[in-house]
């Protein structure tokens, strides 16, 4: 029998802002104990204070996902300090610079791939190891509609997000018989500091190209992550689920 949510520990990378923050808060409302992991300690601790102030349980863990030894040590610390690891949400990511492919700076390519792909791989690797040892769990990697379509002048971001589809499906197949579910959430347009940078001066066009004629608050995307972490999705693994207001359902003329 699954443990009740109030006894479960959920790790959230990139938990200091944007979708990570919204996810940490949404899961805390469902009585998960939250490990907020991020490079931004001040912002991360504010999220922890907000969760605790609302009656939840949370702790902050400083983390740079590009440093594998830090990832391993952080997962160990979460298990030790919070008493386990039942759920994990890998939100940490950046959009990177925008250039056509032939002009994309190699150093910037490596930076984007290191955070958006290698960082997710490192988190996933040590989360899986811990969950096998502890008896199971569920992991949600955060992709994008760019996991499933191209975006001009964002080849590094698109490549990393496409790769998460394969990484998620491989892990899901490998660990399905060990009581671990692994899924990929592919959100469309929603309000975060990253999206504000991406859509600067272009928000009306983004809205016009979305069939529902709006972009989402991060809480709507977080709700889908909560569902993937819950016992209402126990037969779901290896899925790449879009939450995009219908954007990928067809081409808006």
C-alpha atoms as a PDB file:
ATOM      1  CA  UNK A   1       0.000   0.000   0.000  1.00  0.00           C
ATOM      2  CA  UNK A   2       1.309   3.477  -0.878  1.00  0.00           C
ATOM      3  CA  UNK A   3       2.299   5.779   1.930  1.00  0.00           C
ATOM      4  CA  UNK A   4       0.004   8.753   2.547  1.00  0.00           C
ATOM      5  CA  UNK A   5       1.195  12.003   0.963  1.00  0.00           C
ATOM      6  CA  UNK A   6       1.861  13.584   4.362  1.00  0.00           C
ATOM      7  CA  UNK A   7       4.621  11.017   4.980  1.00  0.00           C
ATOM      8  CA  UNK A   8       6.189  11.441   1.534  1.00  0.00           C
ATOM      9  CA  UNK A   9       9.282  13.448   0.673  1.00  0.00           C
ATOM     10  CA  UNK A  10       9.449  15.288  -2.654  1.00  0.00           C
ATOM     11  CA  UNK A  11      12.637  16.783  -4.109  1.00  0.00           C
ATOM     12  CA  UNK A  12      12.218  19.776  -6.452  1.00  0.00           C
ATOM     13  CA  UNK A  13      15.220  21.074  -8.386  1.00  0.00           C
ATOM     14  CA  UNK A  14      14.977  24.660  -9.552  1.00  0.00           C
ATOM     15  CA  UNK A  15      12.566  25.124  -6.672  1.00  0.00           C
ATOM     16  CA  UNK A  16      13.464  28.739  -5.933  1.00  0.00           C
ATOM     17  CA  UNK A  17      11.508  30.366  -8.748  1.00  0.00           C
ATOM     18  CA  UNK A  18       9.117  29.952 -11.656  1.00  0.00           C
ATOM     19  CA  UNK A  19       7.590  26.537 -12.172  1.00  0.00           C
ATOM     20  CA  UNK A  20       9.819  24.958  -9.529  1.00  0.00           C
ATOM     21  CA  UNK A  21       8.513  27.344  -6.885  1.00  0.00           C
ATOM     22  CA  UNK A  22       4.893  26.807  -7.966  1.00  0.00           C
ATOM     23  CA  UNK A  23       5.413  23.040  -7.905  1.00  0.00           C
ATOM     24  CA  UNK A  24       6.995  23.041  -4.461  1.00  0.00           C
ATOM     25  CA  UNK A  25       4.114  25.093  -3.067  1.00  0.00           C
ATOM     26  CA  UNK A  26       1.442  22.972  -4.796  1.00  0.00           C
ATOM     27  CA  UNK A  27       2.944  19.710  -3.533  1.00  0.00           C
ATOM     28  CA  UNK A  28       3.311  21.124  -0.019  1.00  0.00           C
ATOM     29  CA  UNK A  29      -0.439  21.850  -0.059  1.00  0.00           C
ATOM     30  CA  UNK A  30      -0.929  18.143  -0.722  1.00  0.00           C
ATOM     31  CA  UNK A  31       1.013  17.394   2.470  1.00  0.00           C
ATOM     32  CA  UNK A  32       4.303  16.368   0.856  1.00  0.00           C
ATOM     33  CA  UNK A  33       7.458  17.317   2.723  1.00  0.00           C
ATOM     34  CA  UNK A  34       9.444  19.387   0.244  1.00  0.00           C
ATOM     35  CA  UNK A  35      13.179  19.522  -0.449  1.00  0.00           C
ATOM     36  CA  UNK A  36      13.686  22.802  -2.309  1.00  0.00           C
ATOM     37  CA  UNK A  37      16.968  22.561  -4.256  1.00  0.00           C
ATOM     38  CA  UNK A  38      18.449  25.499  -6.148  1.00  0.00           C
ATOM     39  CA  UNK A  39      21.577  27.578  -6.766  1.00  0.00           C
ATOM     40  CA  UNK A  40      19.781  30.688  -5.485  1.00  0.00           C
ATOM     41  CA  UNK A  41      19.908  30.194  -1.735  1.00  0.00           C
ATOM     42  CA  UNK A  42      18.134  33.416  -0.766  1.00  0.00           C
ATOM     43  CA  UNK A  43      15.174  32.762  -3.080  1.00  0.00           C
ATOM     44  CA  UNK A  44      15.091  29.086  -2.149  1.00  0.00           C
ATOM     45  CA  UNK A  45      14.901  29.874   1.539  1.00  0.00           C
ATOM     46  CA  UNK A  46      12.060  32.304   0.883  1.00  0.00           C
ATOM     47  CA  UNK A  47      10.101  29.478  -0.750  1.00  0.00           C
ATOM     48  CA  UNK A  48      10.781  27.276   2.280  1.00  0.00           C
ATOM     49  CA  UNK A  49       9.610  30.041   4.607  1.00  0.00           C
ATOM     50  CA  UNK A  50       6.456  30.482   2.529  1.00  0.00           C
ATOM     51  CA  UNK A  51       5.680  26.766   2.724  1.00  0.00           C
ATOM     52  CA  UNK A  52       6.317  26.595   6.461  1.00  0.00           C
ATOM     53  CA  UNK A  53       4.287  29.779   6.995  1.00  0.00           C
ATOM     54  CA  UNK A  54       1.343  28.065   5.314  1.00  0.00           C
ATOM     55  CA  UNK A  55       1.610  25.056   7.620  1.00  0.00           C
ATOM     56  CA  UNK A  56       3.720  22.820   5.374  1.00  0.00           C
ATOM     57  CA  UNK A  57       7.096  21.165   5.841  1.00  0.00           C
ATOM     58  CA  UNK A  58      10.122  22.071   3.746  1.00  0.00           C
ATOM     59  CA  UNK A  59      13.897  22.427   3.841  1.00  0.00           C
ATOM     60  CA  UNK A  60      16.360  24.117   1.508  1.00  0.00           C
ATOM     61  CA  UNK A  61      19.277  22.320  -0.150  1.00  0.00           C
ATOM     62  CA  UNK A  62      21.834  24.341  -2.144  1.00  0.00           C
ATOM     63  CA  UNK A  63      22.427  22.651  -5.503  1.00  0.00           C
ATOM     64  CA  UNK A  64      24.210  23.244  -8.789  1.00  0.00           C
ATOM     65  CA  UNK A  65      22.850  20.497 -11.060  1.00  0.00           C
ATOM     66  CA  UNK A  66      25.915  20.716 -13.311  1.00  0.00           C
ATOM     67  CA  UNK A  67      28.120  19.331 -10.516  1.00  0.00           C
ATOM     68  CA  UNK A  68      27.512  15.593 -10.285  1.00  0.00           C
ATOM     69  CA  UNK A  69      29.189  15.203  -6.900  1.00  0.00           C
ATOM     70  CA  UNK A  70      26.935  17.952  -5.519  1.00  0.00           C
ATOM     71  CA  UNK A  71      23.862  16.215  -6.927  1.00  0.00           C
ATOM     72  CA  UNK A  72      24.817  12.898  -5.344  1.00  0.00           C
ATOM     73  CA  UNK A  73      25.555  14.530  -1.983  1.00  0.00           C
ATOM     74  CA  UNK A  74      22.317  16.539  -2.082  1.00  0.00           C
ATOM     75  CA  UNK A  75      20.152  13.488  -2.728  1.00  0.00           C
ATOM     76  CA  UNK A  76      21.909  11.718   0.165  1.00  0.00           C
ATOM     77  CA  UNK A  77      21.262  14.752   2.380  1.00  0.00           C
ATOM     78  CA  UNK A  78      17.576  14.839   1.457  1.00  0.00           C
ATOM     79  CA  UNK A  79      17.173  11.170   2.350  1.00  0.00           C
ATOM     80  CA  UNK A  80      19.080  11.622   5.598  1.00  0.00           C
ATOM     81  CA  UNK A  81      17.473  14.869   6.768  1.00  0.00           C
ATOM     82  CA  UNK A  82      13.893  14.312   5.602  1.00  0.00           C
ATOM     83  CA  UNK A  83      13.743  10.567   6.064  1.00  0.00           C
ATOM     84  CA  UNK A  84      13.354   9.342   2.490  1.00  0.00           C
ATOM     85  CA  UNK A  85      12.729  10.204  -1.146  1.00  0.00           C
ATOM     86  CA  UNK A  86       9.362   9.295  -2.642  1.00  0.00           C
ATOM     87  CA  UNK A  87       8.882  11.890  -5.382  1.00  0.00           C
ATOM     88  CA  UNK A  88      11.194  14.070  -7.455  1.00  0.00           C
ATOM     89  CA  UNK A  89      10.535  16.883  -9.902  1.00  0.00           C
ATOM     90  CA  UNK A  90      13.416  18.060 -12.078  1.00  0.00           C
ATOM     91  CA  UNK A  91      12.592  21.677 -12.959  1.00  0.00           C
ATOM     92  CA  UNK A  92      16.013  23.338 -13.122  1.00  0.00           C
ATOM     93  CA  UNK A  93      16.651  24.817 -16.545  1.00  0.00           C
ATOM     94  CA  UNK A  94      17.535  27.875 -18.613  1.00  0.00           C
ATOM     95  CA  UNK A  95      16.486  29.130 -22.033  1.00  0.00           C
ATOM     96  CA  UNK A  96      19.940  30.088 -23.271  1.00  0.00           C
ATOM     97  CA  UNK A  97      20.853  32.634 -25.892  1.00  0.00           C
ATOM     98  CA  UNK A  98      19.104  32.856 -29.262  1.00  0.00           C
ATOM     99  CA  UNK A  99      21.197  32.418 -32.417  1.00  0.00           C
ATOM    100  CA  UNK A 100      20.840  30.577 -35.705  1.00  0.00           C
ATOM    101  CA  UNK A 101      22.602  27.241 -35.494  1.00  0.00           C
ATOM    102  CA  UNK A 102      25.744  28.096 -37.456  1.00  0.00           C
ATOM    103  CA  UNK A 103      26.296  31.123 -35.228  1.00  0.00           C
ATOM    104  CA  UNK A 104      25.452  29.462 -31.908  1.00  0.00           C
ATOM    105  CA  UNK A 105      28.417  29.995 -29.540  1.00  0.00           C
ATOM    106  CA  UNK A 106      29.924  26.666 -28.515  1.00  0.00           C
ATOM    107  CA  UNK A 107      30.383  27.758 -24.893  1.00  0.00           C
ATOM    108  CA  UNK A 108      26.713  28.765 -24.678  1.00  0.00           C
ATOM    109  CA  UNK A 109      25.656  25.462 -26.294  1.00  0.00           C
ATOM    110  CA  UNK A 110      27.610  23.567 -23.636  1.00  0.00           C
ATOM    111  CA  UNK A 111      26.125  25.671 -20.819  1.00  0.00           C
ATOM    112  CA  UNK A 112      22.543  25.034 -21.947  1.00  0.00           C
ATOM    113  CA  UNK A 113      23.115  21.311 -22.506  1.00  0.00           C
ATOM    114  CA  UNK A 114      24.933  20.999 -19.184  1.00  0.00           C
ATOM    115  CA  UNK A 115      22.025  22.447 -17.193  1.00  0.00           C
ATOM    116  CA  UNK A 116      19.003  21.310 -19.214  1.00  0.00           C
ATOM    117  CA  UNK A 117      20.128  17.782 -20.109  1.00  0.00           C
ATOM    118  CA  UNK A 118      23.180  16.723 -18.125  1.00  0.00           C
ATOM    119  CA  UNK A 119      21.741  18.269 -14.972  1.00  0.00           C
ATOM    120  CA  UNK A 120      18.481  16.350 -15.348  1.00  0.00           C
ATOM    121  CA  UNK A 121      20.432  13.151 -16.049  1.00  0.00           C
ATOM    122  CA  UNK A 122      22.530  13.594 -12.892  1.00  0.00           C
ATOM    123  CA  UNK A 123      19.454  14.253 -10.743  1.00  0.00           C
ATOM    124  CA  UNK A 124      17.589  11.331 -12.310  1.00  0.00           C
ATOM    125  CA  UNK A 125      20.527   8.964 -11.834  1.00  0.00           C
ATOM    126  CA  UNK A 126      20.797   9.540  -8.094  1.00  0.00           C
ATOM    127  CA  UNK A 127      17.048   9.795  -7.554  1.00  0.00           C
ATOM    128  CA  UNK A 128      16.614   6.389  -9.177  1.00  0.00           C
ATOM    129  CA  UNK A 129      19.386   4.881  -7.071  1.00  0.00           C
ATOM    130  CA  UNK A 130      17.756   6.195  -3.892  1.00  0.00           C
ATOM    131  CA  UNK A 131      14.248   5.099  -4.876  1.00  0.00           C
ATOM    132  CA  UNK A 132      15.388   1.576  -5.748  1.00  0.00           C
ATOM    133  CA  UNK A 133      16.976   1.366  -2.315  1.00  0.00           C
ATOM    134  CA  UNK A 134      13.919   2.828  -0.595  1.00  0.00           C
ATOM    135  CA  UNK A 135      11.257   0.804  -2.392  1.00  0.00           C
ATOM    136  CA  UNK A 136       9.877   2.928  -5.234  1.00  0.00           C
ATOM    137  CA  UNK A 137       8.613   6.352  -6.165  1.00  0.00           C
ATOM    138  CA  UNK A 138       7.720   8.697  -8.997  1.00  0.00           C
ATOM    139  CA  UNK A 139       9.807  11.202 -10.937  1.00  0.00           C
ATOM    140  CA  UNK A 140       8.664  14.027 -13.198  1.00  0.00           C
ATOM    141  CA  UNK A 141      11.150  15.597 -15.593  1.00  0.00           C
ATOM    142  CA  UNK A 142      10.151  18.990 -16.957  1.00  0.00           C
ATOM    143  CA  UNK A 143      10.490  19.401 -20.690  1.00  0.00           C
ATOM    144  CA  UNK A 144       8.666  21.825 -22.953  1.00  0.00           C
ATOM    145  CA  UNK A 145       6.603  21.901 -26.101  1.00  0.00           C
ATOM    146  CA  UNK A 146      10.139  22.338 -27.495  1.00  0.00           C
ATOM    147  CA  UNK A 147      10.619  18.673 -26.539  1.00  0.00           C
ATOM    148  CA  UNK A 148       8.259  17.862 -29.403  1.00  0.00           C
ATOM    149  CA  UNK A 149       8.752  20.640 -31.966  1.00  0.00           C
ATOM    150  CA  UNK A 150      11.498  22.963 -33.178  1.00  0.00           C
ATOM    151  CA  UNK A 151      11.941  26.607 -32.220  1.00  0.00           C
ATOM    152  CA  UNK A 152      14.173  28.641 -34.546  1.00  0.00           C
ATOM    153  CA  UNK A 153      17.300  30.200 -33.014  1.00  0.00           C
ATOM    154  CA  UNK A 154      17.101  27.948 -29.925  1.00  0.00           C
ATOM    155  CA  UNK A 155      18.956  24.842 -31.105  1.00  0.00           C
ATOM    156  CA  UNK A 156      20.644  24.175 -27.751  1.00  0.00           C
ATOM    157  CA  UNK A 157      17.423  24.462 -25.760  1.00  0.00           C
ATOM    158  CA  UNK A 158      15.432  22.410 -28.274  1.00  0.00           C
ATOM    159  CA  UNK A 159      18.115  19.712 -28.462  1.00  0.00           C
ATOM    160  CA  UNK A 160      18.240  19.358 -24.681  1.00  0.00           C
ATOM    161  CA  UNK A 161      14.458  19.267 -24.343  1.00  0.00           C
ATOM    162  CA  UNK A 162      14.096  16.745 -27.187  1.00  0.00           C
ATOM    163  CA  UNK A 163      16.688  14.530 -25.483  1.00  0.00           C
ATOM    164  CA  UNK A 164      14.621  14.482 -22.294  1.00  0.00           C
ATOM    165  CA  UNK A 165      11.940  12.515 -24.142  1.00  0.00           C
ATOM    166  CA  UNK A 166      14.348   9.656 -24.796  1.00  0.00           C
ATOM    167  CA  UNK A 167      15.962   9.850 -21.367  1.00  0.00           C
ATOM    168  CA  UNK A 168      12.584   9.728 -19.635  1.00  0.00           C
ATOM    169  CA  UNK A 169      11.311   6.810 -21.721  1.00  0.00           C
ATOM    170  CA  UNK A 170      14.491   4.778 -21.168  1.00  0.00           C
ATOM    171  CA  UNK A 171      14.357   5.263 -17.411  1.00  0.00           C
ATOM    172  CA  UNK A 172      10.635   4.481 -17.342  1.00  0.00           C
ATOM    173  CA  UNK A 173      11.192   1.149 -19.094  1.00  0.00           C
ATOM    174  CA  UNK A 174      14.188   0.214 -16.981  1.00  0.00           C
ATOM    175  CA  UNK A 175      12.525   0.895 -13.618  1.00  0.00           C
ATOM    176  CA  UNK A 176       8.852   0.076 -14.234  1.00  0.00           C
ATOM    177  CA  UNK A 177       9.191  -3.291 -12.499  1.00  0.00           C
ATOM    178  CA  UNK A 178      10.909  -1.669  -9.521  1.00  0.00           C
ATOM    179  CA  UNK A 179       7.932   0.449  -8.518  1.00  0.00           C
ATOM    180  CA  UNK A 180       9.285   3.669 -10.009  1.00  0.00           C
ATOM    181  CA  UNK A 181       7.374   5.797 -12.520  1.00  0.00           C
ATOM    182  CA  UNK A 182       9.177   8.356 -14.702  1.00  0.00           C
ATOM    183  CA  UNK A 183       7.286  10.868 -16.835  1.00  0.00           C
ATOM    184  CA  UNK A 184       7.979  14.032 -18.800  1.00  0.00           C
ATOM    185  CA  UNK A 185       5.765  17.098 -18.558  1.00  0.00           C
ATOM    186  CA  UNK A 186       5.864  19.336 -21.637  1.00  0.00           C
ATOM    187  CA  UNK A 187       4.329  22.696 -20.770  1.00  0.00           C
ATOM    188  CA  UNK A 188       3.414  25.321 -23.315  1.00  0.00           C
ATOM    189  CA  UNK A 189       3.370  29.058 -22.684  1.00  0.00           C
ATOM    190  CA  UNK A 190       3.030  30.158 -19.069  1.00  0.00           C
ATOM    191  CA  UNK A 191       4.037  33.097 -16.882  1.00  0.00           C
ATOM    192  CA  UNK A 192       7.510  32.843 -15.321  1.00  0.00           C
ATOM    193  CA  UNK A 193      10.591  35.089 -15.310  1.00  0.00           C
ATOM    194  CA  UNK A 194      12.002  32.889 -18.106  1.00  0.00           C
ATOM    195  CA  UNK A 195       8.881  33.193 -20.232  1.00  0.00           C
ATOM    196  CA  UNK A 196       8.830  36.952 -19.729  1.00  0.00           C
ATOM    197  CA  UNK A 197      12.321  37.079 -21.220  1.00  0.00           C
ATOM    198  CA  UNK A 198      11.334  34.758 -24.065  1.00  0.00           C
ATOM    199  CA  UNK A 199       8.098  36.530 -24.935  1.00  0.00           C
ATOM    200  CA  UNK A 200       9.308  40.096 -24.457  1.00  0.00           C
ATOM    201  CA  UNK A 201       7.519  42.211 -27.043  1.00  0.00           C
ATOM    202  CA  UNK A 202       5.876  39.124 -28.523  1.00  0.00           C
ATOM    203  CA  UNK A 203       3.266  38.097 -25.963  1.00  0.00           C
ATOM    204  CA  UNK A 204       0.255  38.989 -28.113  1.00  0.00           C
ATOM    205  CA  UNK A 205       1.534  36.736 -30.909  1.00  0.00           C
ATOM    206  CA  UNK A 206       2.120  33.875 -28.476  1.00  0.00           C
ATOM    207  CA  UNK A 207      -1.432  34.215 -27.163  1.00  0.00           C
ATOM    208  CA  UNK A 208      -2.873  34.412 -30.681  1.00  0.00           C
ATOM    209  CA  UNK A 209      -1.136  31.152 -31.629  1.00  0.00           C
ATOM    210  CA  UNK A 210      -2.504  29.332 -28.580  1.00  0.00           C
ATOM    211  CA  UNK A 211      -5.991  27.885 -29.257  1.00  0.00           C
ATOM    212  CA  UNK A 212      -7.203  28.766 -25.764  1.00  0.00           C
ATOM    213  CA  UNK A 213      -6.087  32.386 -26.389  1.00  0.00           C
ATOM    214  CA  UNK A 214      -4.164  32.762 -23.175  1.00  0.00           C
ATOM    215  CA  UNK A 215      -1.033  31.607 -21.437  1.00  0.00           C
ATOM    216  CA  UNK A 216      -1.179  29.819 -18.102  1.00  0.00           C
ATOM    217  CA  UNK A 217      -0.151  30.789 -14.596  1.00  0.00           C
ATOM    218  CA  UNK A 218       2.570  28.431 -13.327  1.00  0.00           C
ATOM    219  CA  UNK A 219       0.065  26.968 -10.853  1.00  0.00           C
ATOM    220  CA  UNK A 220      -1.844  25.333 -13.729  1.00  0.00           C
ATOM    221  CA  UNK A 221       1.302  23.591 -14.914  1.00  0.00           C
ATOM    222  CA  UNK A 222       2.164  22.629 -11.341  1.00  0.00           C
ATOM    223  CA  UNK A 223      -1.268  21.003 -10.971  1.00  0.00           C
ATOM    224  CA  UNK A 224      -0.359  18.553 -13.748  1.00  0.00           C
ATOM    225  CA  UNK A 225       2.900  17.722 -11.981  1.00  0.00           C
ATOM    226  CA  UNK A 226       0.989  17.124  -8.745  1.00  0.00           C
ATOM    227  CA  UNK A 227      -1.235  14.669 -10.615  1.00  0.00           C
ATOM    228  CA  UNK A 228       1.782  12.802 -12.027  1.00  0.00           C
ATOM    229  CA  UNK A 229       3.140  12.531  -8.484  1.00  0.00           C
ATOM    230  CA  UNK A 230      -0.159  11.323  -7.066  1.00  0.00           C
ATOM    231  CA  UNK A 231      -1.827   7.946  -6.680  1.00  0.00           C
ATOM    232  CA  UNK A 232      -4.309   9.005  -9.376  1.00  0.00           C
ATOM    233  CA  UNK A 233      -1.627   8.375 -12.031  1.00  0.00           C
ATOM    234  CA  UNK A 234      -0.255   5.014 -10.907  1.00  0.00           C
ATOM    235  CA  UNK A 235      -0.532   3.421 -14.389  1.00  0.00           C
ATOM    236  CA  UNK A 236       1.247   6.310 -16.112  1.00  0.00           C
ATOM    237  CA  UNK A 237       4.954   5.971 -16.905  1.00  0.00           C
ATOM    238  CA  UNK A 238       7.135   6.804 -19.878  1.00  0.00           C
ATOM    239  CA  UNK A 239       4.670   9.470 -20.997  1.00  0.00           C
ATOM    240  CA  UNK A 240       5.429  12.884 -22.499  1.00  0.00           C
ATOM    241  CA  UNK A 241       2.372  14.890 -21.535  1.00  0.00           C
ATOM    242  CA  UNK A 242       1.630  18.308 -23.014  1.00  0.00           C
ATOM    243  CA  UNK A 243      -0.104  21.033 -21.018  1.00  0.00           C
ATOM    244  CA  UNK A 244      -0.183  23.770 -23.620  1.00  0.00           C
ATOM    245  CA  UNK A 245      -3.669  25.129 -24.208  1.00  0.00           C
ATOM    246  CA  UNK A 246      -3.929  23.079 -27.394  1.00  0.00           C
ATOM    247  CA  UNK A 247      -0.852  24.588 -29.046  1.00  0.00           C
ATOM    248  CA  UNK A 248       0.540  21.334 -30.404  1.00  0.00           C
ATOM    249  CA  UNK A 249      -2.855  19.921 -31.386  1.00  0.00           C
ATOM    250  CA  UNK A 250      -2.719  21.696 -34.727  1.00  0.00           C
ATOM    251  CA  UNK A 251      -1.400  24.684 -36.640  1.00  0.00           C
ATOM    252  CA  UNK A 252      -3.186  27.937 -36.044  1.00  0.00           C
ATOM    253  CA  UNK A 253      -3.690  29.760 -39.327  1.00  0.00           C
END
